[in-house]
Protein backbone atom coordinates (compact mmCIF):
# COMPACT_ATOMS: atom_id res chain seq x y z
CA MET A 1 4.18 27.01 38.37
CA LYS A 2 5.60 27.13 34.86
CA PHE A 3 8.07 24.53 33.60
CA ILE A 4 9.89 24.73 30.26
CA TYR A 5 11.33 21.61 28.68
CA PHE A 6 13.94 22.11 25.94
CA ASN A 7 14.40 19.16 23.59
CA ASP A 8 18.13 18.95 22.91
CA THR A 9 18.05 15.21 22.16
CA GLY A 10 18.06 15.52 18.37
CA ARG A 11 14.97 13.26 18.36
CA ARG A 12 11.24 13.76 18.61
CA VAL A 13 9.88 13.38 22.18
CA ALA A 14 6.31 12.15 22.76
CA VAL A 15 4.46 13.54 25.78
CA HIS A 16 2.96 10.70 27.85
CA PRO A 17 -0.83 11.12 28.31
CA ALA A 18 -0.53 10.71 32.11
CA THR A 19 1.28 14.08 32.12
CA PHE A 20 -2.15 15.71 32.00
CA SER A 21 -3.96 13.52 34.56
CA ASP A 22 -2.88 15.51 37.66
CA GLY A 23 -3.58 19.03 36.45
CA CYS A 24 -0.57 19.72 34.20
CA ILE A 25 -1.52 21.92 31.22
CA GLY A 26 0.33 22.02 27.89
CA SER A 27 0.34 20.76 24.34
CA ARG A 28 0.04 17.02 23.78
CA GLU A 29 1.87 17.20 20.45
CA PRO A 30 5.33 15.59 20.23
CA ILE A 31 8.21 17.95 21.04
CA GLN A 32 10.46 18.42 18.02
CA PRO A 33 14.26 18.70 18.23
CA LEU A 34 15.39 22.14 19.46
CA GLU A 35 11.82 23.03 20.46
CA GLN A 36 10.90 24.48 23.85
CA ARG A 37 7.61 23.41 25.44
CA LEU A 38 5.84 25.21 28.27
CA PHE A 39 3.96 23.15 30.85
CA GLU A 40 1.87 24.79 33.57
CA LEU A 41 1.58 22.91 36.84
CA PRO A 42 -0.92 23.45 39.67
CA ASP A 43 0.05 26.03 42.31
CA GLY A 44 2.21 24.70 45.12
CA THR A 45 3.78 21.94 43.02
CA PHE A 46 7.09 21.30 41.27
CA PRO A 47 7.80 19.02 38.27
CA MET A 48 9.11 15.49 38.51
CA VAL A 49 10.34 14.55 35.03
CA LYS A 50 10.98 11.07 33.65
CA MET A 51 12.23 10.38 30.14
CA TRP A 52 12.76 7.00 28.54
CA ASP A 53 13.53 5.44 25.17
CA ASN A 54 10.87 3.16 23.69
CA GLY A 55 13.25 1.78 21.08
CA GLU A 56 11.72 2.05 17.61
CA ILE A 57 8.78 4.09 18.96
CA GLY A 58 11.14 6.83 20.18
CA LEU A 59 11.59 8.96 23.29
CA SER A 60 8.79 9.70 25.75
CA ILE A 61 8.55 12.18 28.61
CA LEU A 62 6.30 12.19 31.67
CA ILE A 63 5.90 15.32 33.80
CA THR A 64 4.18 14.81 37.16
CA PRO A 65 3.25 17.67 39.51
CA MET A 66 4.60 16.90 43.01
CA LYS A 67 3.77 18.68 46.26
CA GLU A 68 6.48 19.81 48.67
CA ALA A 69 6.73 17.70 51.80
CA GLU A 70 5.85 19.76 54.85
């Protein structure tokens, strides 16, 4: 599955390293304002997305591949 994140926050968004621990593929570079980023997830999954503000460090995003409940 392909998932596109569009950064409309006006701030740089860091991609949490755990994003890539369950088979998600994409660039690890921070996502700049108004930039789109493609993430590829394993087949049969959908993205769960969490974003948070680390104060002075900035915004972070975590994308976790989730399997559909049968």
